Structure formats: C-alpha cells, structure tokens
N, C-alpha and C. Protein backbone atom coordinates (compact mmCIF):
# COMPACT_ATOMS: atom_id res chain seq x y z
N MET A 1 70.27 -28.58 54.24
CA MET A 1 69.77 -27.74 55.32
C MET A 1 68.44 -27.16 54.86
N GLY A 2 67.33 -27.68 55.36
CA GLY A 2 66.02 -27.20 54.94
C GLY A 2 65.59 -25.97 55.70
N LYS A 3 64.97 -25.08 54.99
CA LYS A 3 64.44 -23.87 55.62
C LYS A 3 62.94 -23.95 55.60
N ILE A 4 62.34 -23.52 56.67
CA ILE A 4 60.89 -23.53 56.78
C ILE A 4 60.38 -22.13 56.48
N LEU A 5 59.50 -22.03 55.52
CA LEU A 5 58.87 -20.75 55.21
C LEU A 5 57.47 -20.75 55.78
N ARG A 6 57.19 -19.77 56.61
CA ARG A 6 55.86 -19.64 57.16
C ARG A 6 55.27 -18.34 56.64
N PRO A 7 54.25 -18.43 55.79
CA PRO A 7 53.69 -17.20 55.24
C PRO A 7 52.91 -16.41 56.29
N VAL A 8 53.07 -15.11 56.26
CA VAL A 8 52.37 -14.21 57.15
C VAL A 8 51.84 -13.07 56.30
N LEU A 9 50.65 -12.65 56.56
CA LEU A 9 50.07 -11.53 55.84
C LEU A 9 50.18 -10.29 56.70
N LEU A 10 51.05 -9.36 56.28
CA LEU A 10 51.14 -8.08 56.95
C LEU A 10 49.90 -7.32 56.53
N LEU A 11 49.29 -6.60 57.42
CA LEU A 11 48.04 -5.92 57.11
C LEU A 11 48.17 -5.15 55.81
N LEU A 12 47.53 -5.65 54.80
CA LEU A 12 47.59 -5.03 53.48
C LEU A 12 46.37 -4.16 53.27
N PRO A 13 46.55 -2.88 53.04
CA PRO A 13 45.39 -2.06 52.74
C PRO A 13 44.85 -2.43 51.37
N LEU A 14 43.57 -2.61 51.30
CA LEU A 14 42.94 -2.94 50.03
C LEU A 14 42.50 -1.65 49.35
N THR A 15 43.07 -1.39 48.21
CA THR A 15 42.74 -0.17 47.48
C THR A 15 41.91 -0.55 46.27
N MET A 16 40.69 -0.09 46.25
CA MET A 16 39.77 -0.33 45.15
C MET A 16 39.62 -1.82 44.87
N GLY A 17 39.72 -2.65 45.94
CA GLY A 17 39.43 -4.06 45.81
C GLY A 17 40.54 -4.91 45.23
N CYS A 18 41.71 -4.34 44.90
CA CYS A 18 42.77 -5.18 44.36
C CYS A 18 44.12 -4.70 44.85
N TYR A 19 45.05 -5.61 44.90
CA TYR A 19 46.41 -5.28 45.29
C TYR A 19 47.34 -6.30 44.66
N ASN A 20 48.59 -5.95 44.55
CA ASN A 20 49.59 -6.84 43.98
C ASN A 20 50.71 -6.99 45.00
N PRO A 21 50.60 -7.99 45.91
CA PRO A 21 51.58 -8.09 46.98
C PRO A 21 52.94 -8.57 46.50
N ALA A 22 53.94 -8.15 47.23
CA ALA A 22 55.30 -8.67 47.10
C ALA A 22 55.60 -9.36 48.43
N LYS A 23 56.80 -9.87 48.57
CA LYS A 23 57.14 -10.56 49.82
C LYS A 23 58.46 -10.02 50.38
N ILE A 24 58.50 -9.98 51.69
CA ILE A 24 59.76 -9.80 52.41
C ILE A 24 60.03 -11.15 53.07
N VAL A 25 61.20 -11.71 52.77
CA VAL A 25 61.60 -12.99 53.35
C VAL A 25 62.76 -12.72 54.30
N ILE A 26 62.57 -13.05 55.56
CA ILE A 26 63.61 -12.87 56.57
C ILE A 26 64.07 -14.24 57.03
N THR A 27 65.38 -14.47 56.92
CA THR A 27 65.98 -15.73 57.35
C THR A 27 66.87 -15.46 58.56
N ASN A 28 66.74 -16.29 59.56
CA ASN A 28 67.58 -16.16 60.74
C ASN A 28 68.93 -16.81 60.46
N GLY A 29 69.93 -15.98 60.17
CA GLY A 29 71.29 -16.44 59.94
C GLY A 29 72.17 -16.27 61.17
N LEU A 30 71.55 -16.02 62.31
CA LEU A 30 72.29 -15.92 63.57
C LEU A 30 72.56 -17.34 64.04
N GLU A 31 73.79 -17.67 64.29
CA GLU A 31 74.18 -19.06 64.51
C GLU A 31 73.46 -19.72 65.68
N SER A 32 73.26 -19.02 66.78
CA SER A 32 72.70 -19.68 67.96
C SER A 32 71.64 -18.84 68.68
N GLU A 33 71.13 -17.84 68.02
CA GLU A 33 70.16 -16.94 68.66
C GLU A 33 68.81 -17.01 67.94
N ASN A 34 67.75 -17.12 68.70
CA ASN A 34 66.41 -17.01 68.12
C ASN A 34 66.11 -15.55 67.84
N ILE A 35 65.33 -15.30 66.81
CA ILE A 35 64.77 -13.97 66.59
C ILE A 35 63.41 -13.96 67.29
N GLU A 36 63.22 -12.98 68.16
CA GLU A 36 61.98 -12.93 68.95
C GLU A 36 60.98 -11.90 68.43
N TYR A 37 61.46 -10.89 67.72
CA TYR A 37 60.56 -9.86 67.19
C TYR A 37 61.00 -9.49 65.78
N ILE A 38 60.03 -9.26 64.91
CA ILE A 38 60.28 -8.73 63.57
C ILE A 38 59.33 -7.56 63.38
N TYR A 39 59.92 -6.41 63.09
CA TYR A 39 59.13 -5.20 62.88
C TYR A 39 59.34 -4.72 61.44
N ILE A 40 58.25 -4.41 60.78
CA ILE A 40 58.30 -3.88 59.42
C ILE A 40 57.36 -2.69 59.38
N SER A 41 57.90 -1.56 58.94
CA SER A 41 57.04 -0.39 58.81
C SER A 41 57.43 0.39 57.56
N SER A 42 56.47 1.10 57.02
CA SER A 42 56.75 1.97 55.90
C SER A 42 57.79 2.99 56.35
N ASP A 43 58.69 3.38 55.46
CA ASP A 43 59.74 4.30 55.87
C ASP A 43 59.21 5.66 56.28
N SER A 44 57.95 5.94 55.99
CA SER A 44 57.34 7.22 56.38
C SER A 44 56.76 7.18 57.80
N GLU A 45 56.68 5.99 58.39
CA GLU A 45 56.12 5.84 59.74
C GLU A 45 57.14 6.22 60.80
N GLU A 46 56.65 6.74 61.91
CA GLU A 46 57.51 7.14 63.02
C GLU A 46 57.74 6.00 64.02
N GLU A 47 56.85 5.00 64.04
CA GLU A 47 56.95 3.91 65.01
C GLU A 47 56.97 2.57 64.28
N TRP A 48 57.44 1.55 64.99
CA TRP A 48 57.57 0.23 64.39
C TRP A 48 56.24 -0.50 64.25
N GLY A 49 55.34 -0.33 65.15
CA GLY A 49 54.08 -1.07 65.06
C GLY A 49 54.19 -2.42 65.75
N ILE A 50 53.40 -3.39 65.28
CA ILE A 50 53.30 -4.69 65.96
C ILE A 50 54.36 -5.68 65.46
N ASN A 51 54.60 -6.69 66.27
CA ASN A 51 55.51 -7.77 65.93
C ASN A 51 54.90 -8.59 64.79
N SER A 52 55.68 -8.82 63.73
CA SER A 52 55.19 -9.57 62.57
C SER A 52 55.33 -11.08 62.72
N LEU A 53 55.92 -11.56 63.81
CA LEU A 53 55.97 -13.00 64.04
C LEU A 53 54.59 -13.47 64.48
N PRO A 54 54.07 -14.53 63.89
CA PRO A 54 52.73 -15.00 64.24
C PRO A 54 52.68 -15.58 65.65
N ASN A 55 51.65 -15.23 66.37
CA ASN A 55 51.37 -15.79 67.70
C ASN A 55 52.55 -15.68 68.66
N TRP A 56 53.32 -14.64 68.51
CA TRP A 56 54.46 -14.40 69.40
C TRP A 56 55.43 -15.58 69.44
N GLU A 57 55.57 -16.28 68.32
CA GLU A 57 56.54 -17.35 68.21
C GLU A 57 57.93 -16.76 68.04
N VAL A 58 58.93 -17.62 67.98
CA VAL A 58 60.29 -17.19 67.69
C VAL A 58 60.70 -17.78 66.35
N LEU A 59 61.73 -17.18 65.75
CA LEU A 59 62.28 -17.67 64.49
C LEU A 59 63.66 -18.26 64.80
N PRO A 60 63.75 -19.60 64.87
CA PRO A 60 65.03 -20.23 65.21
C PRO A 60 66.07 -20.06 64.10
N PRO A 61 67.35 -20.25 64.43
CA PRO A 61 68.40 -20.17 63.42
C PRO A 61 68.12 -21.13 62.26
N GLY A 62 68.35 -20.63 61.05
CA GLY A 62 68.16 -21.44 59.84
C GLY A 62 66.76 -21.40 59.27
N GLU A 63 65.79 -20.88 60.01
CA GLU A 63 64.42 -20.82 59.50
C GLU A 63 64.14 -19.46 58.89
N SER A 64 63.10 -19.42 58.04
CA SER A 64 62.72 -18.19 57.34
C SER A 64 61.25 -17.88 57.58
N LEU A 65 60.93 -16.63 57.44
CA LEU A 65 59.55 -16.16 57.54
C LEU A 65 59.26 -15.32 56.31
N GLU A 66 58.14 -15.57 55.68
CA GLU A 66 57.72 -14.85 54.48
C GLU A 66 56.55 -13.94 54.84
N ILE A 67 56.67 -12.66 54.51
CA ILE A 67 55.65 -11.68 54.88
C ILE A 67 55.18 -10.96 53.63
N ALA A 68 53.89 -11.01 53.34
CA ALA A 68 53.33 -10.35 52.16
C ALA A 68 53.13 -8.87 52.45
N VAL A 69 53.59 -8.02 51.54
CA VAL A 69 53.46 -6.58 51.68
C VAL A 69 53.15 -5.98 50.31
N LEU A 70 52.68 -4.76 50.33
CA LEU A 70 52.53 -4.03 49.08
C LEU A 70 53.87 -3.42 48.69
N PRO A 71 54.14 -3.27 47.41
CA PRO A 71 55.37 -2.59 47.00
C PRO A 71 55.45 -1.20 47.64
N ASP A 72 56.58 -0.92 48.25
CA ASP A 72 56.79 0.34 48.97
C ASP A 72 58.23 0.33 49.47
N THR A 73 58.60 1.33 50.23
CA THR A 73 59.91 1.38 50.88
C THR A 73 59.70 1.16 52.37
N TYR A 74 60.43 0.20 52.93
CA TYR A 74 60.21 -0.23 54.31
C TYR A 74 61.48 -0.12 55.13
N ASP A 75 61.28 0.05 56.45
CA ASP A 75 62.33 -0.11 57.44
C ASP A 75 62.07 -1.45 58.11
N LEU A 76 63.13 -2.22 58.33
CA LEU A 76 63.01 -3.55 58.92
C LEU A 76 63.87 -3.62 60.18
N GLN A 77 63.34 -4.25 61.21
CA GLN A 77 64.14 -4.46 62.41
C GLN A 77 63.78 -5.80 63.02
N VAL A 78 64.81 -6.55 63.43
CA VAL A 78 64.59 -7.77 64.20
C VAL A 78 65.31 -7.62 65.53
N VAL A 79 64.79 -8.34 66.52
CA VAL A 79 65.37 -8.34 67.86
C VAL A 79 65.62 -9.79 68.23
N ASP A 80 66.86 -10.09 68.65
CA ASP A 80 67.17 -11.47 69.02
C ASP A 80 66.82 -11.73 70.49
N GLN A 81 67.04 -12.95 70.93
CA GLN A 81 66.65 -13.36 72.28
C GLN A 81 67.41 -12.64 73.37
N ASN A 82 68.52 -11.99 73.04
CA ASN A 82 69.29 -11.23 74.03
C ASN A 82 69.01 -9.73 73.96
N GLY A 83 68.03 -9.34 73.13
CA GLY A 83 67.65 -7.93 73.03
C GLY A 83 68.48 -7.13 72.04
N HIS A 84 69.40 -7.78 71.31
CA HIS A 84 70.17 -7.07 70.28
C HIS A 84 69.29 -6.79 69.08
N THR A 85 69.46 -5.61 68.49
CA THR A 85 68.67 -5.23 67.32
C THR A 85 69.51 -5.26 66.06
N TYR A 86 68.84 -5.54 64.96
CA TYR A 86 69.43 -5.58 63.62
C TYR A 86 68.45 -4.82 62.74
N THR A 87 68.91 -3.76 62.09
CA THR A 87 67.99 -2.86 61.39
C THR A 87 68.47 -2.60 59.97
N LYS A 88 67.52 -2.60 59.05
CA LYS A 88 67.76 -2.19 57.66
C LYS A 88 66.80 -1.04 57.38
N TRP A 89 67.34 0.06 56.89
CA TRP A 89 66.54 1.26 56.62
C TRP A 89 66.31 1.42 55.12
N ASP A 90 65.16 1.96 54.77
CA ASP A 90 64.85 2.36 53.39
C ASP A 90 65.06 1.23 52.39
N MET A 91 64.49 0.08 52.69
CA MET A 91 64.59 -1.08 51.80
C MET A 91 63.42 -1.05 50.83
N GLU A 92 63.73 -0.95 49.56
CA GLU A 92 62.69 -0.83 48.55
C GLU A 92 62.20 -2.22 48.14
N VAL A 93 60.89 -2.40 48.22
CA VAL A 93 60.25 -3.64 47.80
C VAL A 93 59.40 -3.30 46.59
N LYS A 94 59.77 -3.87 45.47
CA LYS A 94 59.00 -3.64 44.24
C LYS A 94 58.14 -4.86 43.98
N ASP A 95 57.98 -5.22 42.73
CA ASP A 95 57.18 -6.41 42.40
C ASP A 95 57.90 -7.71 42.73
N ASP A 96 59.23 -7.63 42.88
CA ASP A 96 59.97 -8.83 43.26
C ASP A 96 60.15 -8.84 44.78
N ASP A 97 60.67 -9.90 45.28
CA ASP A 97 60.77 -10.07 46.72
C ASP A 97 62.05 -9.45 47.27
N LEU A 98 61.98 -9.05 48.53
CA LEU A 98 63.15 -8.59 49.26
C LEU A 98 63.55 -9.72 50.20
N ILE A 99 64.80 -10.13 50.14
CA ILE A 99 65.29 -11.23 50.97
C ILE A 99 66.39 -10.69 51.86
N TRP A 100 66.24 -10.92 53.18
CA TRP A 100 67.25 -10.48 54.15
C TRP A 100 67.60 -11.65 55.04
N GLU A 101 68.84 -12.09 54.94
CA GLU A 101 69.36 -13.07 55.89
C GLU A 101 70.06 -12.30 56.99
N VAL A 102 69.49 -12.32 58.18
CA VAL A 102 70.04 -11.59 59.32
C VAL A 102 71.25 -12.36 59.82
N VAL A 103 72.42 -11.69 59.82
CA VAL A 103 73.66 -12.31 60.25
C VAL A 103 74.28 -11.47 61.37
N PRO A 104 75.21 -12.04 62.15
CA PRO A 104 75.80 -11.29 63.25
C PRO A 104 76.37 -9.93 62.85
N ALA A 105 76.90 -9.81 61.65
CA ALA A 105 77.49 -8.54 61.21
C ALA A 105 76.45 -7.42 61.05
N ASP A 106 75.17 -7.78 61.01
CA ASP A 106 74.09 -6.78 60.86
C ASP A 106 73.71 -6.09 62.16
N ILE A 107 74.31 -6.49 63.28
CA ILE A 107 73.91 -5.94 64.58
C ILE A 107 74.07 -4.42 64.59
N ASP A 108 73.14 -3.74 65.26
CA ASP A 108 73.18 -2.27 65.37
C ASP A 108 74.27 -1.82 66.32
C-alpha cells in the first residue's frame, strides 16, 4: 500500500536568515472519506488560519501530506468531506517529525 507524500511549506517566518524546519505528516486513515481541510496553528493563536492543503485539493484515504514547520507547539484540525472535524491540541513539534494518522476514533 503506497502512500503519496506531497511536501507543503507552511509559511515559515525567517528569523535572522536561517531556520531549522521540522515536519508534520498527516495521513488520511479514514477508510472512505476524503480530508478536505487541514488547519495548523500555533497553540497561542486564537484562529485556525488558512487551509494547508495545496490548491484546495483533497487528501484521499491512504495518502499523506508533509508540511514543513518550525519547532513549536501546534493545534491541528482536519475536516472530512462530510464536515466532521478531528482535532489534536497542544502537539509539540521539536527537531523530529510529528506524525498523525487521522482515524475514525479521532472524531470530535
């Protein structure tokens, strides 16, 4: 079962000309539902911001999306094709990657 990784650059603030990005990898583990929106925001933000899926595409079941971010603590939310939300709060991303396989049990 091959997974497709599509790299996406989340707006990375450049501090003094250098940064050390980490990755958030989101895999659609929903058996028959596309993911239509992926929101990632710093845990200090009040709003979700823009959809992190490129060009308003969808993430079909079994596929993954890789998003480059700076190490920080993030809130993550995905929305499936039926409008159901799946949210992870206060997820710490350090120098290693954060991997989240969204499964039906994660529904809000």
